[in-house]
């Protein structure tokens, strides 16, 4: 699987999908540690600031799967499956879709023809699909 991330900048409210999407370089050291470096043509990058545990950035890991339209699926995406709509999460190494609490469904392994509806950062009305049951809220921060 290809390891890729996208990053939501909470200050600028902008999704960083590639190095060209921001006026600075974003370096993901660990999923919960992000560094910002000044863009430079030289090999030495000037450190600007660090972000630990998501104070400024939310990082989302690429699931290694594309939807039916060829779009890359990332952790936190809201997808439509043959069973309904839910949020993509990584559950013990497996990519699954978690339906909202009012749905009677359970986890659905992320496979087959799914369609990305968006994410809660760029499409706020999709937040209704991440209303997780209490036991999941303790495990996965909202």
N, C-alpha and C. Protein backbone atom coordinates (compact mmCIF):
# COMPACT_ATOMS: atom_id res chain seq x y z
N UNK A 1 0.84 -1.19 0.00
CA UNK A 1 0.00 0.00 0.00
C UNK A 1 0.88 1.25 0.00
N UNK A 2 0.49 2.20 -0.76
CA UNK A 2 1.17 3.48 -0.82
C UNK A 2 0.81 4.29 0.44
N UNK A 3 1.83 4.82 1.13
CA UNK A 3 1.58 5.61 2.34
C UNK A 3 1.55 7.09 1.95
N UNK A 4 0.36 7.68 2.10
CA UNK A 4 0.17 9.10 1.80
C UNK A 4 -0.76 9.69 2.85
N UNK A 5 -0.63 10.97 3.05
CA UNK A 5 -1.51 11.70 3.96
C UNK A 5 -2.05 12.92 3.24
N UNK A 6 -3.15 13.41 3.73
CA UNK A 6 -3.59 14.76 3.41
C UNK A 6 -3.75 15.44 4.76
N UNK A 7 -3.71 16.76 4.77
CA UNK A 7 -3.68 17.51 6.02
C UNK A 7 -4.66 18.66 5.95
N UNK A 8 -5.51 18.80 6.98
CA UNK A 8 -6.42 19.94 7.10
C UNK A 8 -5.76 20.97 8.00
N UNK A 9 -5.59 22.18 7.47
CA UNK A 9 -5.02 23.29 8.25
C UNK A 9 -6.18 24.02 8.91
N UNK A 10 -6.26 23.94 10.23
CA UNK A 10 -7.38 24.54 10.97
C UNK A 10 -7.33 26.07 10.95
N UNK A 11 -6.15 26.63 10.77
CA UNK A 11 -6.03 28.09 10.77
C UNK A 11 -6.50 28.68 9.44
N UNK A 12 -6.00 28.12 8.34
CA UNK A 12 -6.37 28.65 7.03
C UNK A 12 -7.63 28.00 6.47
N UNK A 13 -8.11 26.93 7.15
CA UNK A 13 -9.26 26.15 6.69
C UNK A 13 -9.06 25.71 5.24
N UNK A 14 -7.92 25.05 5.03
CA UNK A 14 -7.52 24.61 3.69
C UNK A 14 -7.01 23.17 3.77
N UNK A 15 -7.42 22.34 2.81
CA UNK A 15 -6.94 20.96 2.74
C UNK A 15 -5.66 20.95 1.91
N UNK A 16 -4.61 20.40 2.50
CA UNK A 16 -3.32 20.30 1.82
C UNK A 16 -3.19 18.87 1.29
N UNK A 17 -3.26 18.75 -0.02
CA UNK A 17 -3.21 17.43 -0.66
C UNK A 17 -1.86 17.15 -1.30
N UNK A 18 -1.09 18.19 -1.56
CA UNK A 18 0.22 18.03 -2.18
C UNK A 18 1.12 19.16 -1.71
N UNK A 19 2.42 19.04 -1.94
CA UNK A 19 3.33 20.11 -1.52
C UNK A 19 3.03 21.46 -2.17
N UNK A 20 2.28 21.45 -3.25
CA UNK A 20 1.99 22.69 -3.98
C UNK A 20 0.75 23.41 -3.44
N UNK A 21 0.05 22.78 -2.48
CA UNK A 21 -1.19 23.34 -1.96
C UNK A 21 -1.00 24.33 -0.81
N UNK A 22 0.23 24.56 -0.36
CA UNK A 22 0.46 25.42 0.79
C UNK A 22 1.67 26.31 0.54
N UNK A 23 1.71 27.48 1.20
CA UNK A 23 2.86 28.39 1.04
C UNK A 23 4.07 27.93 1.86
N UNK A 24 3.98 26.74 2.43
CA UNK A 24 5.07 26.19 3.24
C UNK A 24 5.10 24.69 3.00
N UNK A 25 6.16 24.05 3.41
CA UNK A 25 6.24 22.60 3.31
C UNK A 25 5.70 21.99 4.59
N UNK A 26 4.86 20.99 4.44
CA UNK A 26 4.33 20.26 5.58
C UNK A 26 5.04 18.92 5.62
N UNK A 27 5.67 18.63 6.75
CA UNK A 27 6.39 17.38 6.92
C UNK A 27 5.68 16.59 8.01
N UNK A 28 5.17 15.42 7.65
CA UNK A 28 4.50 14.57 8.62
C UNK A 28 5.55 13.62 9.18
N UNK A 29 5.89 13.84 10.44
CA UNK A 29 6.89 13.03 11.09
C UNK A 29 6.24 11.75 11.62
N UNK A 30 5.13 11.90 12.28
CA UNK A 30 4.28 10.81 12.77
C UNK A 30 2.85 11.25 12.54
N UNK A 31 1.88 10.34 12.57
CA UNK A 31 0.50 10.80 12.35
C UNK A 31 0.06 11.92 13.28
N UNK A 32 0.65 12.01 14.48
CA UNK A 32 0.25 13.07 15.41
C UNK A 32 1.29 14.16 15.55
N UNK A 33 2.30 14.18 14.72
CA UNK A 33 3.33 15.21 14.77
C UNK A 33 3.59 15.74 13.37
N UNK A 34 3.30 17.02 13.17
CA UNK A 34 3.47 17.67 11.87
C UNK A 34 4.41 18.84 12.04
N UNK A 35 5.34 18.98 11.12
CA UNK A 35 6.25 20.13 11.13
C UNK A 35 6.00 20.98 9.90
N UNK A 36 6.21 22.29 10.06
CA UNK A 36 6.08 23.23 8.96
C UNK A 36 7.46 23.80 8.68
N UNK A 37 7.87 23.77 7.41
CA UNK A 37 9.16 24.30 7.00
C UNK A 37 8.95 25.34 5.91
N UNK A 38 9.80 26.35 5.92
CA UNK A 38 9.75 27.37 4.89
C UNK A 38 10.12 26.73 3.55
N UNK A 39 9.40 27.08 2.49
CA UNK A 39 9.72 26.55 1.16
C UNK A 39 11.04 27.14 0.70
N UNK A 40 11.88 26.29 0.14
CA UNK A 40 13.20 26.73 -0.28
C UNK A 40 13.67 25.82 -1.40
N UNK A 41 14.48 26.38 -2.30
CA UNK A 41 15.03 25.57 -3.38
C UNK A 41 16.29 24.84 -2.94
N UNK A 42 16.83 25.24 -1.80
CA UNK A 42 18.02 24.56 -1.29
C UNK A 42 17.60 23.34 -0.49
N UNK A 43 18.55 22.50 -0.17
CA UNK A 43 18.24 21.28 0.59
C UNK A 43 17.95 21.57 2.05
N UNK A 44 18.48 22.65 2.60
CA UNK A 44 18.21 23.00 4.00
C UNK A 44 16.85 23.68 4.10
N UNK A 45 15.98 23.13 4.87
CA UNK A 45 14.66 23.71 5.06
C UNK A 45 14.60 24.37 6.43
N UNK A 46 14.16 25.60 6.47
CA UNK A 46 14.07 26.32 7.73
C UNK A 46 12.80 25.91 8.48
N UNK A 47 12.97 25.40 9.68
CA UNK A 47 11.85 24.98 10.52
C UNK A 47 11.08 26.22 10.96
N UNK A 48 9.75 26.20 10.83
CA UNK A 48 8.92 27.33 11.24
C UNK A 48 8.16 26.99 12.52
N UNK A 49 7.43 25.90 12.52
CA UNK A 49 6.66 25.53 13.71
C UNK A 49 6.34 24.05 13.67
N UNK A 50 6.01 23.51 14.83
CA UNK A 50 5.60 22.12 14.94
C UNK A 50 4.19 22.05 15.48
N UNK A 51 3.52 20.99 15.18
CA UNK A 51 2.16 20.78 15.65
C UNK A 51 2.08 19.37 16.20
N UNK A 52 1.76 19.26 17.47
CA UNK A 52 1.67 17.95 18.10
C UNK A 52 0.24 17.71 18.54
N UNK A 53 -0.27 16.54 18.22
CA UNK A 53 -1.62 16.12 18.60
C UNK A 53 -2.73 17.00 18.01
N UNK A 54 -2.50 17.52 16.83
CA UNK A 54 -3.57 18.16 16.11
C UNK A 54 -4.02 19.53 16.54
N UNK A 55 -3.13 20.31 17.15
CA UNK A 55 -3.53 21.67 17.54
C UNK A 55 -3.81 22.53 16.32
N UNK A 56 -3.01 22.38 15.28
CA UNK A 56 -3.23 23.15 14.06
C UNK A 56 -3.69 22.29 12.89
N UNK A 57 -3.19 21.07 12.81
CA UNK A 57 -3.48 20.21 11.65
C UNK A 57 -4.18 18.93 12.06
N UNK A 58 -5.07 18.47 11.20
CA UNK A 58 -5.63 17.13 11.30
C UNK A 58 -5.06 16.34 10.12
N UNK A 59 -4.44 15.21 10.42
CA UNK A 59 -3.87 14.39 9.36
C UNK A 59 -4.80 13.22 9.05
N UNK A 60 -4.87 12.86 7.78
CA UNK A 60 -5.72 11.76 7.34
C UNK A 60 -4.90 10.84 6.46
N UNK A 61 -4.87 9.56 6.81
CA UNK A 61 -4.10 8.55 6.09
C UNK A 61 -4.88 8.05 4.88
N UNK A 62 -4.16 7.84 3.77
CA UNK A 62 -4.75 7.28 2.56
C UNK A 62 -5.05 5.80 2.80
N UNK A 63 -6.25 5.37 2.45
CA UNK A 63 -6.67 3.98 2.68
C UNK A 63 -6.11 3.01 1.64
N UNK A 64 -5.48 3.52 0.59
CA UNK A 64 -4.94 2.64 -0.44
C UNK A 64 -6.01 2.13 -1.40
N UNK A 65 -7.17 2.76 -1.36
CA UNK A 65 -8.31 2.35 -2.18
C UNK A 65 -8.88 3.58 -2.88
N UNK A 66 -9.39 3.39 -4.08
CA UNK A 66 -10.06 4.48 -4.79
C UNK A 66 -11.54 4.17 -4.89
N UNK A 67 -12.34 5.24 -4.98
CA UNK A 67 -13.78 5.03 -5.12
C UNK A 67 -14.11 4.71 -6.57
N UNK A 68 -15.39 4.54 -6.85
CA UNK A 68 -15.81 4.13 -8.19
C UNK A 68 -15.49 5.18 -9.26
N UNK A 69 -15.21 6.42 -8.84
CA UNK A 69 -14.85 7.48 -9.78
C UNK A 69 -13.34 7.70 -9.88
N UNK A 70 -12.56 6.86 -9.21
CA UNK A 70 -11.11 6.97 -9.26
C UNK A 70 -10.51 7.93 -8.24
N UNK A 71 -11.31 8.42 -7.28
CA UNK A 71 -10.82 9.34 -6.25
C UNK A 71 -10.22 8.55 -5.08
N UNK A 72 -9.11 9.02 -4.56
CA UNK A 72 -8.47 8.36 -3.43
C UNK A 72 -9.31 8.52 -2.17
N UNK A 73 -9.46 7.43 -1.42
CA UNK A 73 -10.24 7.45 -0.18
C UNK A 73 -9.28 7.61 0.99
N UNK A 74 -9.59 8.58 1.85
CA UNK A 74 -8.78 8.87 3.04
C UNK A 74 -9.59 8.64 4.30
N UNK A 75 -8.88 8.40 5.38
CA UNK A 75 -9.47 8.31 6.70
C UNK A 75 -10.33 9.56 6.93
N UNK A 76 -11.54 9.36 7.42
CA UNK A 76 -12.43 10.49 7.69
C UNK A 76 -13.33 10.86 6.54
N UNK A 77 -13.12 10.27 5.35
CA UNK A 77 -14.03 10.55 4.24
C UNK A 77 -15.40 9.98 4.55
N UNK A 78 -16.43 10.63 4.03
CA UNK A 78 -17.79 10.13 4.13
C UNK A 78 -18.09 9.49 2.78
N UNK A 79 -18.45 8.19 2.83
CA UNK A 79 -18.66 7.44 1.59
C UNK A 79 -20.06 6.84 1.57
N UNK A 80 -20.52 6.61 0.35
CA UNK A 80 -21.80 5.96 0.13
C UNK A 80 -21.50 4.54 -0.34
N UNK A 81 -22.07 3.54 0.36
CA UNK A 81 -21.89 2.14 -0.01
C UNK A 81 -23.24 1.56 -0.39
N UNK A 82 -23.24 0.30 -0.74
CA UNK A 82 -24.51 -0.35 -1.08
C UNK A 82 -25.42 -0.46 0.15
N UNK A 83 -24.86 -0.31 1.36
CA UNK A 83 -25.65 -0.39 2.61
C UNK A 83 -26.05 0.96 3.16
N UNK A 84 -25.53 2.04 2.62
CA UNK A 84 -25.84 3.36 3.15
C UNK A 84 -24.60 4.24 3.18
N UNK A 85 -24.59 5.21 4.09
CA UNK A 85 -23.54 6.21 4.16
C UNK A 85 -22.84 6.11 5.51
N UNK A 86 -21.52 6.32 5.51
CA UNK A 86 -20.78 6.29 6.76
C UNK A 86 -19.40 6.88 6.62
N UNK A 87 -18.66 6.89 7.73
CA UNK A 87 -17.32 7.48 7.78
C UNK A 87 -16.27 6.38 7.67
N UNK A 88 -15.21 6.64 6.93
CA UNK A 88 -14.11 5.70 6.77
C UNK A 88 -13.16 5.85 7.95
N UNK A 89 -12.87 4.73 8.63
CA UNK A 89 -11.90 4.74 9.73
C UNK A 89 -11.00 3.51 9.57
N UNK A 90 -9.88 3.53 10.30
CA UNK A 90 -9.00 2.37 10.34
C UNK A 90 -9.25 1.67 11.67
N UNK A 91 -9.75 0.45 11.61
CA UNK A 91 -10.09 -0.33 12.80
C UNK A 91 -9.14 -1.52 12.88
N UNK A 92 -8.13 -1.39 13.73
CA UNK A 92 -7.15 -2.48 13.93
C UNK A 92 -6.52 -2.93 12.61
N UNK A 93 -6.16 -1.99 11.76
CA UNK A 93 -5.49 -2.31 10.51
C UNK A 93 -6.40 -2.55 9.33
N UNK A 94 -7.71 -2.63 9.56
CA UNK A 94 -8.68 -2.80 8.47
C UNK A 94 -9.40 -1.49 8.23
N UNK A 95 -9.61 -1.16 6.97
CA UNK A 95 -10.38 0.04 6.62
C UNK A 95 -11.84 -0.34 6.59
N UNK A 96 -12.65 0.36 7.41
CA UNK A 96 -14.06 0.06 7.51
C UNK A 96 -14.88 1.34 7.42
N UNK A 97 -16.16 1.17 7.13
CA UNK A 97 -17.12 2.28 7.09
C UNK A 97 -18.01 2.16 8.32
N UNK A 98 -18.08 3.23 9.11
CA UNK A 98 -18.90 3.24 10.33
C UNK A 98 -20.16 4.05 10.04
N UNK A 99 -21.31 3.41 10.16
CA UNK A 99 -22.56 4.15 9.93
C UNK A 99 -22.87 5.06 11.11
N UNK A 100 -23.72 6.06 10.93
CA UNK A 100 -24.13 6.92 12.04
C UNK A 100 -24.87 6.13 13.10
N UNK A 101 -24.95 6.68 14.30
CA UNK A 101 -25.55 6.00 15.44
C UNK A 101 -26.99 5.57 15.18
N UNK A 102 -27.78 6.40 14.51
CA UNK A 102 -29.19 6.05 14.33
C UNK A 102 -29.38 4.89 13.37
N UNK A 103 -28.34 4.56 12.62
CA UNK A 103 -28.39 3.42 11.72
C UNK A 103 -28.23 2.14 12.54
N UNK A 104 -28.89 1.09 12.14
CA UNK A 104 -28.77 -0.18 12.86
C UNK A 104 -27.61 -1.01 12.32
N UNK A 105 -26.94 -0.55 11.31
CA UNK A 105 -25.84 -1.31 10.73
C UNK A 105 -24.61 -1.31 11.60
N UNK A 106 -23.66 -2.16 11.25
CA UNK A 106 -22.40 -2.22 11.97
C UNK A 106 -21.28 -1.89 10.99
N UNK A 107 -20.04 -2.08 11.42
CA UNK A 107 -18.91 -1.79 10.55
C UNK A 107 -19.07 -2.55 9.23
N UNK A 108 -18.63 -1.94 8.17
CA UNK A 108 -18.64 -2.56 6.86
C UNK A 108 -17.23 -2.44 6.31
N UNK A 109 -16.62 -3.55 5.95
CA UNK A 109 -15.27 -3.51 5.40
C UNK A 109 -15.28 -2.65 4.14
N UNK A 110 -14.30 -1.78 4.02
CA UNK A 110 -14.22 -0.87 2.88
C UNK A 110 -13.77 -1.64 1.65
N UNK A 111 -14.70 -1.95 0.79
CA UNK A 111 -14.40 -2.65 -0.46
C UNK A 111 -15.59 -2.47 -1.39
N UNK A 112 -15.44 -2.95 -2.57
CA UNK A 112 -16.54 -2.86 -3.52
C UNK A 112 -16.74 -1.45 -4.02
N UNK A 113 -17.81 -1.25 -4.77
CA UNK A 113 -18.07 0.08 -5.33
C UNK A 113 -18.59 1.06 -4.28
N UNK A 114 -17.74 1.97 -3.87
CA UNK A 114 -18.15 3.02 -2.95
C UNK A 114 -17.95 4.36 -3.65
N UNK A 115 -18.62 5.37 -3.15
CA UNK A 115 -18.50 6.72 -3.72
C UNK A 115 -18.23 7.71 -2.60
N UNK A 116 -17.21 8.53 -2.76
CA UNK A 116 -16.91 9.56 -1.78
C UNK A 116 -17.92 10.69 -1.93
N UNK A 117 -18.56 11.03 -0.81
CA UNK A 117 -19.47 12.16 -0.81
C UNK A 117 -18.73 13.44 -0.40
N UNK A 118 -17.62 13.28 0.30
CA UNK A 118 -16.82 14.43 0.73
C UNK A 118 -16.20 14.14 2.08
N UNK A 119 -15.83 15.21 2.78
CA UNK A 119 -15.29 15.09 4.12
C UNK A 119 -15.88 16.21 4.97
N UNK A 120 -15.78 16.07 6.28
CA UNK A 120 -16.43 17.03 7.18
C UNK A 120 -15.72 18.37 7.24
N UNK A 121 -14.51 18.45 6.71
CA UNK A 121 -13.76 19.70 6.75
C UNK A 121 -14.21 20.64 5.63
N UNK A 122 -14.34 20.10 4.45
CA UNK A 122 -14.70 20.91 3.29
C UNK A 122 -16.20 20.92 3.02
N UNK A 123 -16.95 20.07 3.70
CA UNK A 123 -18.39 19.96 3.50
C UNK A 123 -19.05 19.74 4.85
N UNK A 124 -19.28 20.81 5.58
CA UNK A 124 -19.73 20.76 6.98
C UNK A 124 -21.05 20.00 7.18
N UNK A 125 -21.94 20.01 6.19
CA UNK A 125 -23.22 19.32 6.38
C UNK A 125 -23.06 17.80 6.45
N UNK A 126 -21.89 17.28 6.11
CA UNK A 126 -21.66 15.83 6.22
C UNK A 126 -21.38 15.38 7.66
N UNK A 127 -21.28 16.33 8.59
CA UNK A 127 -21.03 15.97 10.00
C UNK A 127 -22.11 15.06 10.57
N UNK A 128 -23.30 15.09 10.01
CA UNK A 128 -24.36 14.23 10.52
C UNK A 128 -24.03 12.76 10.36
N UNK A 129 -23.08 12.44 9.49
CA UNK A 129 -22.71 11.04 9.26
C UNK A 129 -21.60 10.55 10.19
N UNK A 130 -21.12 11.40 11.09
CA UNK A 130 -20.07 10.94 12.01
C UNK A 130 -20.57 10.90 13.44
N UNK A 131 -21.85 10.81 13.61
CA UNK A 131 -22.45 10.70 14.93
C UNK A 131 -22.26 9.26 15.41
N UNK A 132 -21.09 8.99 15.99
CA UNK A 132 -20.72 7.63 16.37
C UNK A 132 -21.38 7.22 17.69
N UNK A 133 -21.57 5.92 17.87
CA UNK A 133 -22.03 5.43 19.17
C UNK A 133 -21.01 5.78 20.25
N UNK A 134 -21.44 5.83 21.51
CA UNK A 134 -20.58 6.24 22.62
C UNK A 134 -19.29 5.44 22.71
N UNK A 135 -19.35 4.12 22.51
CA UNK A 135 -18.13 3.32 22.64
C UNK A 135 -17.09 3.70 21.59
N UNK A 136 -17.53 4.17 20.43
CA UNK A 136 -16.60 4.60 19.41
C UNK A 136 -16.07 6.00 19.68
N UNK A 137 -16.89 6.86 20.27
CA UNK A 137 -16.44 8.22 20.58
C UNK A 137 -15.25 8.18 21.52
N UNK A 138 -15.21 7.21 22.40
CA UNK A 138 -14.08 7.09 23.33
C UNK A 138 -12.83 6.64 22.59
N UNK A 139 -12.99 5.83 21.56
CA UNK A 139 -11.84 5.29 20.83
C UNK A 139 -11.36 6.23 19.73
N UNK A 140 -12.27 6.90 19.07
CA UNK A 140 -11.92 7.78 17.95
C UNK A 140 -12.41 9.18 18.26
N UNK A 141 -11.49 10.12 18.39
CA UNK A 141 -11.87 11.51 18.70
C UNK A 141 -12.66 12.09 17.54
N UNK A 142 -13.64 12.93 17.87
CA UNK A 142 -14.40 13.63 16.83
C UNK A 142 -13.94 15.05 16.78
